[in-house]
PDB file of N, CA and C in Angstrom:
ATOM      1  N   MET A   1     -13.328 -17.893  -4.052  1.00  0.00           N
ATOM      2  CA  MET A   1     -12.095 -17.708  -3.311  1.00  0.00           C
ATOM      3  C   MET A   1     -12.313 -16.621  -2.265  1.00  0.00           C
ATOM      4  N   ASP A   2     -11.924 -16.902  -1.061  1.00  0.00           N
ATOM      5  CA  ASP A   2     -12.062 -15.919   0.014  1.00  0.00           C
ATOM      6  C   ASP A   2     -10.830 -15.028   0.060  1.00  0.00           C
ATOM      7  N   PHE A   3     -11.082 -13.774   0.375  1.00  0.00           N
ATOM      8  CA  PHE A   3      -9.979 -12.835   0.507  1.00  0.00           C
ATOM      9  C   PHE A   3      -9.942 -12.294   1.927  1.00  0.00           C
ATOM     10  N   GLU A   4      -8.764 -12.186   2.438  1.00  0.00           N
ATOM     11  CA  GLU A   4      -8.579 -11.560   3.738  1.00  0.00           C
ATOM     12  C   GLU A   4      -7.921 -10.209   3.479  1.00  0.00           C
ATOM     13  N   TRP A   5      -8.502  -9.157   4.028  1.00  0.00           N
ATOM     14  CA  TRP A   5      -7.872  -7.863   3.812  1.00  0.00           C
ATOM     15  C   TRP A   5      -7.158  -7.409   5.069  1.00  0.00           C
ATOM     16  N   LYS A   6      -6.054  -6.740   4.832  1.00  0.00           N
ATOM     17  CA  LYS A   6      -5.261  -6.188   5.916  1.00  0.00           C
ATOM     18  C   LYS A   6      -4.940  -4.756   5.521  1.00  0.00           C
ATOM     19  N   TYR A   7      -5.016  -3.868   6.474  1.00  0.00           N
ATOM     20  CA  TYR A   7      -4.652  -2.505   6.112  1.00  0.00           C
ATOM     21  C   TYR A   7      -3.355  -2.119   6.794  1.00  0.00           C
ATOM     22  N   ARG A   8      -2.664  -1.243   6.152  1.00  0.00           N
ATOM     23  CA  ARG A   8      -1.416  -0.748   6.700  1.00  0.00           C
ATOM     24  C   ARG A   8      -1.401   0.771   6.532  1.00  0.00           C
ATOM     25  N   VAL A   9      -0.747   1.408   7.441  1.00  0.00           N
ATOM     26  CA  VAL A   9      -0.605   2.858   7.371  1.00  0.00           C
ATOM     27  C   VAL A   9       0.877   3.171   7.199  1.00  0.00           C
ATOM     28  N   ILE A  10       1.167   3.926   6.188  1.00  0.00           N
ATOM     29  CA  ILE A  10       2.540   4.347   5.949  1.00  0.00           C
ATOM     30  C   ILE A  10       2.663   5.779   6.458  1.00  0.00           C
ATOM     31  N   LYS A  11       3.584   5.999   7.331  1.00  0.00           N
ATOM     32  CA  LYS A  11       3.790   7.328   7.895  1.00  0.00           C
ATOM     33  C   LYS A  11       4.985   7.966   7.197  1.00  0.00           C
ATOM     34  N   ARG A  12       4.761   9.104   6.622  1.00  0.00           N
ATOM     35  CA  ARG A  12       5.844   9.813   5.947  1.00  0.00           C
ATOM     36  C   ARG A  12       6.030  11.169   6.624  1.00  0.00           C
ATOM     37  N   THR A  13       7.246  11.509   6.871  1.00  0.00           N
ATOM     38  CA  THR A  13       7.549  12.808   7.466  1.00  0.00           C
ATOM     39  C   THR A  13       8.375  13.606   6.461  1.00  0.00           C
ATOM     40  N   PHE A  14       7.996  14.840   6.236  1.00  0.00           N
ATOM     41  CA  PHE A  14       8.764  15.665   5.332  1.00  0.00           C
ATOM     42  C   PHE A  14       8.843  17.085   5.872  1.00  0.00           C
ATOM     43  N   ARG A  15       9.852  17.796   5.433  1.00  0.00           N
ATOM     44  CA  ARG A  15      10.099  19.160   5.910  1.00  0.00           C
ATOM     45  C   ARG A  15       9.243  20.136   5.111  1.00  0.00           C
ATOM     46  N   ASN A  16       8.491  20.943   5.821  1.00  0.00           N
ATOM     47  CA  ASN A  16       7.702  21.998   5.196  1.00  0.00           C
ATOM     48  C   ASN A  16       8.571  23.255   5.156  1.00  0.00           C
ATOM     49  N   PRO A  17       9.047  23.649   3.979  1.00  0.00           N
ATOM     50  CA  PRO A  17      10.006  24.764   3.919  1.00  0.00           C
ATOM     51  C   PRO A  17       9.394  26.120   4.283  1.00  0.00           C
ATOM     52  N   HIS A  18       8.096  26.257   4.147  1.00  0.00           N
ATOM     53  CA  HIS A  18       7.460  27.543   4.428  1.00  0.00           C
ATOM     54  C   HIS A  18       7.261  27.764   5.918  1.00  0.00           C
ATOM     55  N   GLU A  19       6.984  26.707   6.639  1.00  0.00           N
ATOM     56  CA  GLU A  19       6.725  26.837   8.069  1.00  0.00           C
ATOM     57  C   GLU A  19       7.886  26.325   8.918  1.00  0.00           C
ATOM     58  N   HIS A  20       8.887  25.735   8.271  1.00  0.00           N
ATOM     59  CA  HIS A  20      10.066  25.219   8.963  1.00  0.00           C
ATOM     60  C   HIS A  20       9.696  24.204  10.046  1.00  0.00           C
ATOM     61  N   VAL A  21       8.739  23.358   9.712  1.00  0.00           N
ATOM     62  CA  VAL A  21       8.346  22.286  10.632  1.00  0.00           C
ATOM     63  C   VAL A  21       8.241  20.991   9.845  1.00  0.00           C
ATOM     64  N   ASP A  22       8.307  19.891  10.558  1.00  0.00           N
ATOM     65  CA  ASP A  22       8.101  18.591   9.915  1.00  0.00           C
ATOM     66  C   ASP A  22       6.611  18.312   9.823  1.00  0.00           C
ATOM     67  N   THR A  23       6.177  17.857   8.683  1.00  0.00           N
ATOM     68  CA  THR A  23       4.780  17.519   8.464  1.00  0.00           C
ATOM     69  C   THR A  23       4.676  16.010   8.284  1.00  0.00           C
ATOM     70  N   VAL A  24       3.687  15.412   8.902  1.00  0.00           N
ATOM     71  CA  VAL A  24       3.492  13.976   8.796  1.00  0.00           C
ATOM     72  C   VAL A  24       2.284  13.706   7.913  1.00  0.00           C
ATOM     73  N   ALA A  25       2.447  12.827   6.950  1.00  0.00           N
ATOM     74  CA  ALA A  25       1.349  12.448   6.063  1.00  0.00           C
ATOM     75  C   ALA A  25       1.105  10.956   6.206  1.00  0.00           C
ATOM     76  N   PHE A  26      -0.130  10.563   6.083  1.00  0.00           N
ATOM     77  CA  PHE A  26      -0.487   9.158   6.203  1.00  0.00           C
ATOM     78  C   PHE A  26      -1.094   8.651   4.898  1.00  0.00           C
ATOM     79  N   SER A  27      -0.739   7.450   4.525  1.00  0.00           N
ATOM     80  CA  SER A  27      -1.319   6.785   3.372  1.00  0.00           C
ATOM     81  C   SER A  27      -1.888   5.463   3.839  1.00  0.00           C
ATOM     82  N   ILE A  28      -3.111   5.192   3.479  1.00  0.00           N
ATOM     83  CA  ILE A  28      -3.777   3.971   3.934  1.00  0.00           C
ATOM     84  C   ILE A  28      -4.094   3.108   2.706  1.00  0.00           C
ATOM     85  N   TYR A  29      -3.798   1.830   2.793  1.00  0.00           N
ATOM     86  CA  TYR A  29      -4.145   0.925   1.701  1.00  0.00           C
ATOM     87  C   TYR A  29      -4.551  -0.414   2.275  1.00  0.00           C
ATOM     88  N   GLU A  30      -5.221  -1.167   1.456  1.00  0.00           N
ATOM     89  CA  GLU A  30      -5.646  -2.507   1.851  1.00  0.00           C
ATOM     90  C   GLU A  30      -4.961  -3.529   0.953  1.00  0.00           C
ATOM     91  N   VAL A  31      -4.532  -4.614   1.563  1.00  0.00           N
ATOM     92  CA  VAL A  31      -3.910  -5.706   0.818  1.00  0.00           C
ATOM     93  C   VAL A  31      -4.816  -6.919   0.942  1.00  0.00           C
ATOM     94  N   TYR A  32      -5.231  -7.452  -0.169  1.00  0.00           N
ATOM     95  CA  TYR A  32      -6.081  -8.643  -0.187  1.00  0.00           C
ATOM     96  C   TYR A  32      -5.221  -9.854  -0.516  1.00  0.00           C
ATOM     97  N   ARG A  33      -5.309 -10.878   0.335  1.00  0.00           N
ATOM     98  CA  ARG A  33      -4.531 -12.096   0.131  1.00  0.00           C
ATOM     99  C   ARG A  33      -5.469 -13.299   0.032  1.00  0.00           C
ATOM    100  N   ASP A  34      -5.053 -14.268  -0.759  1.00  0.00           N
ATOM    101  CA  ASP A  34      -5.858 -15.483  -0.857  1.00  0.00           C
ATOM    102  C   ASP A  34      -5.424 -16.469   0.227  1.00  0.00           C
ATOM    103  N   ASP A  35      -5.982 -17.681   0.175  1.00  0.00           N
ATOM    104  CA  ASP A  35      -5.698 -18.657   1.231  1.00  0.00           C
ATOM    105  C   ASP A  35      -4.258 -19.163   1.211  1.00  0.00           C
ATOM    106  N   LYS A  36      -3.516 -18.900   0.138  1.00  0.00           N
ATOM    107  CA  LYS A  36      -2.102 -19.271   0.078  1.00  0.00           C
ATOM    108  C   LYS A  36      -1.210 -18.095   0.447  1.00  0.00           C
ATOM    109  N   ASP A  37      -1.816 -17.017   0.931  1.00  0.00           N
ATOM    110  CA  ASP A  37      -1.116 -15.809   1.356  1.00  0.00           C
ATOM    111  C   ASP A  37      -0.483 -15.060   0.188  1.00  0.00           C
ATOM    112  N   ASP A  38      -0.982 -15.302  -1.016  1.00  0.00           N
ATOM    113  CA  ASP A  38      -0.526 -14.546  -2.176  1.00  0.00           C
ATOM    114  C   ASP A  38      -1.348 -13.265  -2.289  1.00  0.00           C
ATOM    115  N   ILE A  39      -0.688 -12.199  -2.686  1.00  0.00           N
ATOM    116  CA  ILE A  39      -1.394 -10.931  -2.853  1.00  0.00           C
ATOM    117  C   ILE A  39      -2.204 -10.987  -4.143  1.00  0.00           C
ATOM    118  N   VAL A  40      -3.497 -10.718  -4.041  1.00  0.00           N
ATOM    119  CA  VAL A  40      -4.354 -10.753  -5.208  1.00  0.00           C
ATOM    120  C   VAL A  40      -4.868  -9.373  -5.600  1.00  0.00           C
ATOM    121  N   ALA A  41      -4.850  -8.423  -4.663  1.00  0.00           N
ATOM    122  CA  ALA A  41      -5.307  -7.076  -4.990  1.00  0.00           C
ATOM    123  C   ALA A  41      -4.781  -6.099  -3.956  1.00  0.00           C
ATOM    124  N   ILE A  42      -4.566  -4.873  -4.401  1.00  0.00           N
ATOM    125  CA  ILE A  42      -4.157  -3.796  -3.511  1.00  0.00           C
ATOM    126  C   ILE A  42      -5.054  -2.604  -3.813  1.00  0.00           C
ATOM    127  N   ALA A  43      -5.644  -2.053  -2.796  1.00  0.00           N
ATOM    128  CA  ALA A  43      -6.558  -0.929  -2.988  1.00  0.00           C
ATOM    129  C   ALA A  43      -6.121   0.240  -2.117  1.00  0.00           C
ATOM    130  N   ALA A  44      -5.880   1.364  -2.750  1.00  0.00           N
ATOM    131  CA  ALA A  44      -5.532   2.578  -2.001  1.00  0.00           C
ATOM    132  C   ALA A  44      -6.812   3.221  -1.498  1.00  0.00           C
ATOM    133  N   ARG A  45      -6.844   3.574  -0.238  1.00  0.00           N
ATOM    134  CA  ARG A  45      -8.028   4.185   0.359  1.00  0.00           C
ATOM    135  C   ARG A  45      -7.868   5.689   0.548  1.00  0.00           C
ATOM    136  N   GLU A  46      -6.660   6.109   0.816  1.00  0.00           N
ATOM    137  CA  GLU A  46      -6.385   7.538   0.951  1.00  0.00           C
ATOM    138  C   GLU A  46      -5.009   7.798   0.388  1.00  0.00           C
ATOM    139  N   SER A  47      -4.816   8.995  -0.100  1.00  0.00           N
ATOM    140  CA  SER A  47      -3.494   9.378  -0.556  1.00  0.00           C
ATOM    141  C   SER A  47      -2.953  10.439   0.385  1.00  0.00           C
ATOM    142  N   ASP A  48      -1.674  10.640   0.302  1.00  0.00           N
ATOM    143  CA  ASP A  48      -1.076  11.649   1.173  1.00  0.00           C
ATOM    144  C   ASP A  48      -0.999  12.985   0.432  1.00  0.00           C
ATOM    145  N   PRO A  49      -0.618  14.032   1.112  1.00  0.00           N
ATOM    146  CA  PRO A  49      -0.585  15.358   0.484  1.00  0.00           C
ATOM    147  C   PRO A  49       0.503  15.544  -0.569  1.00  0.00           C
ATOM    148  N   SER A  50       1.301  14.528  -0.850  1.00  0.00           N
ATOM    149  CA  SER A  50       2.372  14.689  -1.832  1.00  0.00           C
ATOM    150  C   SER A  50       1.840  14.779  -3.249  1.00  0.00           C
ATOM    151  N   GLY A  51       0.571  14.443  -3.439  1.00  0.00           N
ATOM    152  CA  GLY A  51      -0.023  14.571  -4.766  1.00  0.00           C
ATOM    153  C   GLY A  51       0.113  13.325  -5.619  1.00  0.00           C
ATOM    154  N   ASP A  52       0.480  12.189  -5.030  1.00  0.00           N
ATOM    155  CA  ASP A  52       0.566  10.951  -5.803  1.00  0.00           C
ATOM    156  C   ASP A  52      -0.794  10.595  -6.376  1.00  0.00           C
ATOM    157  N   THR A  53      -0.787  10.115  -7.600  1.00  0.00           N
ATOM    158  CA  THR A  53      -2.025   9.591  -8.157  1.00  0.00           C
ATOM    159  C   THR A  53      -2.263   8.200  -7.578  1.00  0.00           C
ATOM    160  N   ALA A  54      -3.446   7.683  -7.763  1.00  0.00           N
ATOM    161  CA  ALA A  54      -3.769   6.349  -7.251  1.00  0.00           C
ATOM    162  C   ALA A  54      -2.838   5.297  -7.849  1.00  0.00           C
ATOM    163  N   GLU A  55      -2.518   5.426  -9.140  1.00  0.00           N
ATOM    164  CA  GLU A  55      -1.654   4.440  -9.787  1.00  0.00           C
ATOM    165  C   GLU A  55      -0.228   4.515  -9.242  1.00  0.00           C
ATOM    166  N   GLU A  56       0.278   5.722  -9.025  1.00  0.00           N
ATOM    167  CA  GLU A  56       1.614   5.866  -8.444  1.00  0.00           C
ATOM    168  C   GLU A  56       1.633   5.279  -7.035  1.00  0.00           C
ATOM    169  N   PHE A  57       0.562   5.531  -6.333  1.00  0.00           N
ATOM    170  CA  PHE A  57       0.437   5.042  -4.966  1.00  0.00           C
ATOM    171  C   PHE A  57       0.456   3.523  -4.943  1.00  0.00           C
ATOM    172  N   LYS A  58      -0.335   2.904  -5.815  1.00  0.00           N
ATOM    173  CA  LYS A  58      -0.376   1.441  -5.865  1.00  0.00           C
ATOM    174  C   LYS A  58       0.976   0.866  -6.280  1.00  0.00           C
ATOM    175  N   ALA A  59       1.673   1.542  -7.171  1.00  0.00           N
ATOM    176  CA  ALA A  59       2.991   1.068  -7.593  1.00  0.00           C
ATOM    177  C   ALA A  59       3.961   1.101  -6.413  1.00  0.00           C
ATOM    178  N   ASP A  60       3.913   2.167  -5.626  1.00  0.00           N
ATOM    179  CA  ASP A  60       4.758   2.254  -4.434  1.00  0.00           C
ATOM    180  C   ASP A  60       4.448   1.121  -3.464  1.00  0.00           C
ATOM    181  N   ILE A  61       3.179   0.871  -3.259  1.00  0.00           N
ATOM    182  CA  ILE A  61       2.757  -0.166  -2.320  1.00  0.00           C
ATOM    183  C   ILE A  61       3.205  -1.533  -2.823  1.00  0.00           C
ATOM    184  N   GLY A  62       3.006  -1.796  -4.100  1.00  0.00           N
ATOM    185  CA  GLY A  62       3.391  -3.080  -4.676  1.00  0.00           C
ATOM    186  C   GLY A  62       4.865  -3.371  -4.461  1.00  0.00           C
ATOM    187  N   ALA A  63       5.698  -2.355  -4.575  1.00  0.00           N
ATOM    188  CA  ALA A  63       7.130  -2.539  -4.379  1.00  0.00           C
ATOM    189  C   ALA A  63       7.447  -2.860  -2.920  1.00  0.00           C
ATOM    190  N   MET A  64       6.648  -2.337  -2.009  1.00  0.00           N
ATOM    191  CA  MET A  64       6.928  -2.543  -0.592  1.00  0.00           C
ATOM    192  C   MET A  64       6.479  -3.908  -0.089  1.00  0.00           C
ATOM    193  N   VAL A  65       5.399  -4.439  -0.642  1.00  0.00           N
ATOM    194  CA  VAL A  65       4.863  -5.676  -0.092  1.00  0.00           C
ATOM    195  C   VAL A  65       5.375  -6.918  -0.813  1.00  0.00           C
ATOM    196  N   GLU A  66       6.012  -6.750  -1.944  1.00  0.00           N
ATOM    197  CA  GLU A  66       6.520  -7.919  -2.670  1.00  0.00           C
ATOM    198  C   GLU A  66       7.846  -8.374  -2.116  1.00  0.00           C
TER     199      GLU A  66
END
């Protein structure tokens, strides 16, 4: 089975209370789809500074793409 991967970047902006500025964090993941366009795998490539674990990150992504 062939997989096509697509990557997406999620941009998150949050307030940094110590510096009183907005900080932007990026999360990158890959979505693998089969020939019927069904999602077969999701792989996190980078996490953002919020401290999410890989599993939390994948759970967030799964909720967004379903």
